[in-house]
Structures are given as structure tokens and as C-alpha cells.
């Protein structure tokens, strides 16, 4: 009996395909997000000033932003624009969120969200500056710019809450920062 017609092998293949389909259905859809995380385990000295401690948090946000901007997930988001750039009536909306978690404190997480919108005109402007007609490359440029602007905007929105955290000395332990870009089509 050949390997192609072996009933046991056919049934095993069907079972593997079913379990693979069940696993992908159980997993949340991450094809529309790009995430970068950074953790700082080195506490600032106890005599550090508030601007120095705020600078530490900003550096973590910057590192998480850079990790998100250079992730392969952002490339997958940009690849979604291949079909969109040719259609004049399609555009996308999204959010850039920054989450600061104080691990050694009872303080709740600080969250800042900044919405953005990508229109076909943005892709045309990116095409003019890059000189390239590849829509995914132009979309990557637009998404990185929106990610940078969104992370800075979210950080500015959270600054008063971070100053409260500095007064409570919540930042004198482990801190993690997560920067997420979520993109969805606008209808």
C-alpha cells in the first residue's frame, strides 16, 4: 500500500489539520497589532531627582517604541496596504497605546492612547518622499511616523499621572513599558 493511500496516514493528516485550525481559532487575532515591550530592573538611586526619574521612564518608552517600529509585526501591518493604496476610497484607523506598569508598587498601570488615521493621501506623500511605488514600503514609512507621533502624544497625556507616581515613589522598582500599535480598516 502506498503512502498516499494509507488510511492511517490520511486520518493523521486530517487530525493535524483540525488541531491546527482549532489552535488558530482559539488564539486572538494579532495580525492587526505590533507590540514592543521593555523592562527596567535597575532602580534609580534614592537621591535621584524627579527629572532624572522621569527621564528613565521616557527612555523606556523610547526603547519600547523602537522595538515596535523595528518589529516584523509592523511589516505585516504595512503589507496590508498593498491592496489599499490603489483604491482611492479606502483608509485605515488605529491607536497607539503606551502602558507603564510599576511592578514593585500597588499603583495601577498608567495608560495613554493616541488615535491616528492613515489616508491614501498620506501614502501618496510618502511615495513622493521615498521615490518608490511599493505601497508596503510607503505604508511602513507612514506607520512608523504615526507610531512615533502617537507614542509622544500618549506620553504627554500621561505625564501628569507619571508625576503623581513619582511623588508616591512608585517608580523606585521594576518598571515595564508596552507600546502597541493597533490598525484596522475604516469603513
C-alpha atoms as a PDB file:
ATOM      1  CA  UNK A   1       0.000   0.000   0.000  1.00  0.00           C
ATOM      2  CA  UNK A   2       1.402   3.376  -0.930  1.00  0.00           C
ATOM      3  CA  UNK A   3       1.892   6.240   1.489  1.00  0.00           C
ATOM      4  CA  UNK A   4      -0.697   8.307  -0.365  1.00  0.00           C
ATOM      5  CA  UNK A   5      -3.484   5.784   0.075  1.00  0.00           C
ATOM      6  CA  UNK A   6      -2.625   4.630   3.580  1.00  0.00           C
ATOM      7  CA  UNK A   7      -5.835   5.319   5.592  1.00  0.00           C
ATOM      8  CA  UNK A   8      -3.980   5.793   8.876  1.00  0.00           C
ATOM      9  CA  UNK A   9      -1.713   8.416   7.369  1.00  0.00           C
ATOM     10  CA  UNK A  10      -4.677  10.221   5.807  1.00  0.00           C
ATOM     11  CA  UNK A  11      -6.519  10.286   9.143  1.00  0.00           C
ATOM     12  CA  UNK A  12      -3.412  11.572  10.952  1.00  0.00           C
ATOM     13  CA  UNK A  13      -3.119  14.367   8.413  1.00  0.00           C
ATOM     14  CA  UNK A  14      -6.769  15.302   8.910  1.00  0.00           C
ATOM     15  CA  UNK A  15      -6.334  15.294  12.712  1.00  0.00           C
ATOM     16  CA  UNK A  16      -3.246  17.516  12.490  1.00  0.00           C
ATOM     17  CA  UNK A  17      -5.110  19.963  10.276  1.00  0.00           C
ATOM     18  CA  UNK A  18      -8.087  20.078  12.669  1.00  0.00           C
ATOM     19  CA  UNK A  19      -5.911  20.709  15.716  1.00  0.00           C
ATOM     20  CA  UNK A  20      -4.004  23.410  13.836  1.00  0.00           C
ATOM     21  CA  UNK A  21      -7.308  25.078  12.879  1.00  0.00           C
ATOM     22  CA  UNK A  22      -8.587  24.856  16.463  1.00  0.00           C
ATOM     23  CA  UNK A  23      -5.385  26.410  17.816  1.00  0.00           C
ATOM     24  CA  UNK A  24      -5.547  29.336  15.413  1.00  0.00           C
ATOM     25  CA  UNK A  25      -9.232  29.873  16.202  1.00  0.00           C
ATOM     26  CA  UNK A  26      -8.535  29.849  19.953  1.00  0.00           C
ATOM     27  CA  UNK A  27      -5.676  32.345  19.656  1.00  0.00           C
ATOM     28  CA  UNK A  28      -6.659  36.025  19.483  1.00  0.00           C
ATOM     29  CA  UNK A  29      -6.032  37.718  16.175  1.00  0.00           C
ATOM     30  CA  UNK A  30      -2.710  39.521  16.421  1.00  0.00           C
ATOM     31  CA  UNK A  31      -2.433  40.294  12.729  1.00  0.00           C
ATOM     32  CA  UNK A  32      -3.529  43.872  13.293  1.00  0.00           C
ATOM     33  CA  UNK A  33      -1.160  44.766  16.127  1.00  0.00           C
ATOM     34  CA  UNK A  34       2.514  45.490  16.554  1.00  0.00           C
ATOM     35  CA  UNK A  35       3.820  45.338  20.123  1.00  0.00           C
ATOM     36  CA  UNK A  36       7.102  46.263  21.778  1.00  0.00           C
ATOM     37  CA  UNK A  37       7.915  45.694  25.460  1.00  0.00           C
ATOM     38  CA  UNK A  38      10.786  46.877  27.637  1.00  0.00           C
ATOM     39  CA  UNK A  39      11.580  46.095  31.266  1.00  0.00           C
ATOM     40  CA  UNK A  40      13.931  48.062  33.516  1.00  0.00           C
ATOM     41  CA  UNK A  41      15.094  46.176  36.600  1.00  0.00           C
ATOM     42  CA  UNK A  42      17.721  48.684  37.713  1.00  0.00           C
ATOM     43  CA  UNK A  43      16.210  51.088  40.226  1.00  0.00           C
ATOM     44  CA  UNK A  44      17.346  54.702  40.205  1.00  0.00           C
ATOM     45  CA  UNK A  45      19.375  55.827  43.210  1.00  0.00           C
ATOM     46  CA  UNK A  46      17.252  57.005  46.154  1.00  0.00           C
ATOM     47  CA  UNK A  47      18.619  60.542  45.827  1.00  0.00           C
ATOM     48  CA  UNK A  48      17.706  60.825  42.113  1.00  0.00           C
ATOM     49  CA  UNK A  49      15.737  63.930  41.215  1.00  0.00           C
ATOM     50  CA  UNK A  50      12.271  63.794  39.675  1.00  0.00           C
ATOM     51  CA  UNK A  51      13.514  64.921  36.223  1.00  0.00           C
ATOM     52  CA  UNK A  52      16.094  62.100  36.251  1.00  0.00           C
ATOM     53  CA  UNK A  53      13.447  59.567  37.216  1.00  0.00           C
ATOM     54  CA  UNK A  54      11.065  60.903  34.553  1.00  0.00           C
ATOM     55  CA  UNK A  55      13.893  60.649  32.023  1.00  0.00           C
ATOM     56  CA  UNK A  56      14.304  56.961  32.972  1.00  0.00           C
ATOM     57  CA  UNK A  57      10.642  56.328  32.152  1.00  0.00           C
ATOM     58  CA  UNK A  58      10.914  58.268  28.888  1.00  0.00           C
ATOM     59  CA  UNK A  59      13.948  56.199  27.870  1.00  0.00           C
ATOM     60  CA  UNK A  60      11.936  53.026  28.464  1.00  0.00           C
ATOM     61  CA  UNK A  61       9.102  54.386  26.313  1.00  0.00           C
ATOM     62  CA  UNK A  62      11.649  55.242  23.615  1.00  0.00           C
ATOM     63  CA  UNK A  63      13.180  51.751  23.723  1.00  0.00           C
ATOM     64  CA  UNK A  64       9.738  50.109  23.541  1.00  0.00           C
ATOM     65  CA  UNK A  65       8.800  52.405  20.639  1.00  0.00           C
ATOM     66  CA  UNK A  66      11.974  51.440  18.766  1.00  0.00           C
ATOM     67  CA  UNK A  67      11.298  47.751  19.371  1.00  0.00           C
ATOM     68  CA  UNK A  68       7.781  48.181  17.969  1.00  0.00           C
ATOM     69  CA  UNK A  69       8.998  50.218  14.981  1.00  0.00           C
ATOM     70  CA  UNK A  70      11.524  47.546  14.010  1.00  0.00           C
ATOM     71  CA  UNK A  71       9.338  44.527  14.692  1.00  0.00           C
ATOM     72  CA  UNK A  72       8.256  42.126  11.991  1.00  0.00           C
ATOM     73  CA  UNK A  73       4.655  42.669  13.105  1.00  0.00           C
ATOM     74  CA  UNK A  74       4.786  46.244  11.824  1.00  0.00           C
ATOM     75  CA  UNK A  75       5.906  44.869   8.469  1.00  0.00           C
ATOM     76  CA  UNK A  76       2.812  42.666   8.416  1.00  0.00           C
ATOM     77  CA  UNK A  77       0.639  45.710   9.119  1.00  0.00           C
ATOM     78  CA  UNK A  78       2.318  47.591   6.283  1.00  0.00           C
ATOM     79  CA  UNK A  79       1.790  44.637   3.935  1.00  0.00           C
ATOM     80  CA  UNK A  80      -1.950  45.050   4.424  1.00  0.00           C
ATOM     81  CA  UNK A  81      -1.706  48.310   2.452  1.00  0.00           C
ATOM     82  CA  UNK A  82      -0.757  46.577  -0.812  1.00  0.00           C
ATOM     83  CA  UNK A  83      -4.350  46.428  -1.956  1.00  0.00           C
ATOM     84  CA  UNK A  84      -5.497  49.580  -0.186  1.00  0.00           C
ATOM     85  CA  UNK A  85      -3.138  52.048  -1.839  1.00  0.00           C
ATOM     86  CA  UNK A  86      -4.656  51.567  -5.277  1.00  0.00           C
ATOM     87  CA  UNK A  87      -8.192  52.320  -4.108  1.00  0.00           C
ATOM     88  CA  UNK A  88      -8.979  55.982  -3.508  1.00  0.00           C
ATOM     89  CA  UNK A  89     -11.826  55.446  -1.028  1.00  0.00           C
ATOM     90  CA  UNK A  90     -10.067  53.141   1.478  1.00  0.00           C
ATOM     91  CA  UNK A  91      -8.246  54.288   4.561  1.00  0.00           C
ATOM     92  CA  UNK A  92      -7.294  52.926   7.976  1.00  0.00           C
ATOM     93  CA  UNK A  93      -7.684  53.995  11.574  1.00  0.00           C
ATOM     94  CA  UNK A  94      -5.710  52.939  14.550  1.00  0.00           C
ATOM     95  CA  UNK A  95      -4.435  53.616  18.040  1.00  0.00           C
ATOM     96  CA  UNK A  96      -1.025  53.850  19.601  1.00  0.00           C
ATOM     97  CA  UNK A  97      -1.130  52.895  23.267  1.00  0.00           C
ATOM     98  CA  UNK A  98       1.586  53.222  25.886  1.00  0.00           C
ATOM     99  CA  UNK A  99       1.222  51.251  29.115  1.00  0.00           C
ATOM    100  CA  UNK A 100       3.556  51.857  32.056  1.00  0.00           C
ATOM    101  CA  UNK A 101       3.456  49.162  34.709  1.00  0.00           C
ATOM    102  CA  UNK A 102       5.002  49.700  38.166  1.00  0.00           C
ATOM    103  CA  UNK A 103       5.807  46.146  39.276  1.00  0.00           C
ATOM    104  CA  UNK A 104       7.030  46.869  42.820  1.00  0.00           C
ATOM    105  CA  UNK A 105       4.192  49.192  43.731  1.00  0.00           C
ATOM    106  CA  UNK A 106       0.482  48.865  44.395  1.00  0.00           C
ATOM    107  CA  UNK A 107      -0.152  51.716  41.958  1.00  0.00           C
ATOM    108  CA  UNK A 108      -2.251  50.791  38.935  1.00  0.00           C
ATOM    109  CA  UNK A 109      -0.851  50.988  35.423  1.00  0.00           C
ATOM    110  CA  UNK A 110      -0.674  54.297  33.585  1.00  0.00           C
ATOM    111  CA  UNK A 111      -2.213  54.043  30.123  1.00  0.00           C
ATOM    112  CA  UNK A 112      -2.111  56.596  27.323  1.00  0.00           C
ATOM    113  CA  UNK A 113      -3.838  56.160  23.971  1.00  0.00           C
ATOM    114  CA  UNK A 114      -3.432  58.281  20.879  1.00  0.00           C
ATOM    115  CA  UNK A 115      -5.672  57.654  17.834  1.00  0.00           C
ATOM    116  CA  UNK A 116      -4.497  58.189  14.265  1.00  0.00           C
ATOM    117  CA  UNK A 117      -5.793  57.861  10.744  1.00  0.00           C
ATOM    118  CA  UNK A 118      -3.995  56.834   7.555  1.00  0.00           C
ATOM    119  CA  UNK A 119      -5.485  58.117   4.333  1.00  0.00           C
ATOM    120  CA  UNK A 120      -4.472  57.361   0.760  1.00  0.00           C
ATOM    121  CA  UNK A 121      -3.121  60.926   0.515  1.00  0.00           C
ATOM    122  CA  UNK A 122      -0.590  60.041   3.237  1.00  0.00           C
ATOM    123  CA  UNK A 123       0.610  57.143   1.124  1.00  0.00           C
ATOM    124  CA  UNK A 124       0.925  59.401  -1.907  1.00  0.00           C
ATOM    125  CA  UNK A 125       3.020  61.868   0.110  1.00  0.00           C
ATOM    126  CA  UNK A 126       5.213  59.006   1.314  1.00  0.00           C
ATOM    127  CA  UNK A 127       5.575  57.861  -2.302  1.00  0.00           C
ATOM    128  CA  UNK A 128       6.845  61.319  -3.236  1.00  0.00           C
ATOM    129  CA  UNK A 129       9.423  61.405  -0.428  1.00  0.00           C
ATOM    130  CA  UNK A 130      10.685  57.830  -0.866  1.00  0.00           C
ATOM    131  CA  UNK A 131      10.537  57.822  -4.647  1.00  0.00           C
ATOM    132  CA  UNK A 132       9.299  54.238  -4.527  1.00  0.00           C
ATOM    133  CA  UNK A 133       5.982  52.866  -5.764  1.00  0.00           C
ATOM    134  CA  UNK A 134       5.840  49.875  -3.395  1.00  0.00           C
ATOM    135  CA  UNK A 135       2.795  50.509  -1.247  1.00  0.00           C
ATOM    136  CA  UNK A 136       4.029  48.359   1.650  1.00  0.00           C
ATOM    137  CA  UNK A 137       7.288  50.336   1.842  1.00  0.00           C
ATOM    138  CA  UNK A 138       5.408  53.627   1.789  1.00  0.00           C
ATOM    139  CA  UNK A 139       2.945  52.310   4.357  1.00  0.00           C
ATOM    140  CA  UNK A 140       5.866  51.319   6.613  1.00  0.00           C
ATOM    141  CA  UNK A 141       7.133  54.908   6.471  1.00  0.00           C
ATOM    142  CA  UNK A 142       3.685  56.292   7.294  1.00  0.00           C
ATOM    143  CA  UNK A 143       3.105  53.779  10.108  1.00  0.00           C
ATOM    144  CA  UNK A 144       6.482  54.482  11.719  1.00  0.00           C
ATOM    145  CA  UNK A 145       5.761  58.207  11.636  1.00  0.00           C
ATOM    146  CA  UNK A 146       2.310  57.677  13.156  1.00  0.00           C
ATOM    147  CA  UNK A 147       3.828  55.363  15.775  1.00  0.00           C
ATOM    148  CA  UNK A 148       6.414  57.971  16.767  1.00  0.00           C
ATOM    149  CA  UNK A 149       3.861  60.786  16.948  1.00  0.00           C
ATOM    150  CA  UNK A 150       1.374  58.594  18.804  1.00  0.00           C
ATOM    151  CA  UNK A 151       3.912  57.414  21.395  1.00  0.00           C
ATOM    152  CA  UNK A 152       4.996  61.003  22.089  1.00  0.00           C
ATOM    153  CA  UNK A 153       1.401  62.172  22.308  1.00  0.00           C
ATOM    154  CA  UNK A 154       0.432  59.343  24.672  1.00  0.00           C
ATOM    155  CA  UNK A 155       3.490  60.085  26.833  1.00  0.00           C
ATOM    156  CA  UNK A 156       2.495  63.769  27.069  1.00  0.00           C
ATOM    157  CA  UNK A 157      -1.060  62.769  28.039  1.00  0.00           C
ATOM    158  CA  UNK A 158       0.271  60.507  30.805  1.00  0.00           C
ATOM    159  CA  UNK A 159       2.817  62.983  32.158  1.00  0.00           C
ATOM    160  CA  UNK A 160       0.611  64.372  34.984  1.00  0.00           C
ATOM    161  CA  UNK A 161      -0.163  60.815  36.171  1.00  0.00           C
ATOM    162  CA  UNK A 162       3.519  59.903  35.987  1.00  0.00           C
ATOM    163  CA  UNK A 163       4.393  62.923  38.114  1.00  0.00           C
ATOM    164  CA  UNK A 164       1.911  61.629  40.706  1.00  0.00           C
ATOM    165  CA  UNK A 165       3.650  58.250  40.540  1.00  0.00           C
ATOM    166  CA  UNK A 166       6.988  59.965  41.100  1.00  0.00           C
ATOM    167  CA  UNK A 167       5.591  61.720  44.182  1.00  0.00           C
ATOM    168  CA  UNK A 168       4.368  58.368  45.501  1.00  0.00           C
ATOM    169  CA  UNK A 169       7.806  56.897  44.687  1.00  0.00           C
ATOM    170  CA  UNK A 170       6.136  54.115  42.676  1.00  0.00           C
ATOM    171  CA  UNK A 171       8.927  54.194  40.108  1.00  0.00           C
ATOM    172  CA  UNK A 172      11.686  53.090  42.503  1.00  0.00           C
ATOM    173  CA  UNK A 173      11.386  49.453  41.455  1.00  0.00           C
ATOM    174  CA  UNK A 174      10.919  47.434  38.325  1.00  0.00           C
ATOM    175  CA  UNK A 175       9.089  49.234  35.516  1.00  0.00           C
ATOM    176  CA  UNK A 176       7.883  47.827  32.234  1.00  0.00           C
ATOM    177  CA  UNK A 177       6.593  49.745  29.236  1.00  0.00           C
ATOM    178  CA  UNK A 178       4.483  48.326  26.418  1.00  0.00           C
ATOM    179  CA  UNK A 179       3.930  50.264  23.192  1.00  0.00           C
ATOM    180  CA  UNK A 180       1.215  48.860  20.941  1.00  0.00           C
ATOM    181  CA  UNK A 181       0.061  49.961  17.513  1.00  0.00           C
ATOM    182  CA  UNK A 182      -3.373  48.697  16.540  1.00  0.00           C
ATOM    183  CA  UNK A 183      -4.554  49.161  12.960  1.00  0.00           C
ATOM    184  CA  UNK A 184      -7.954  48.458  11.458  1.00  0.00           C
ATOM    185  CA  UNK A 185      -9.626  49.416   8.223  1.00  0.00           C
ATOM    186  CA  UNK A 186     -12.017  52.348   8.315  1.00  0.00           C
ATOM    187  CA  UNK A 187     -15.345  51.791   6.625  1.00  0.00           C
END
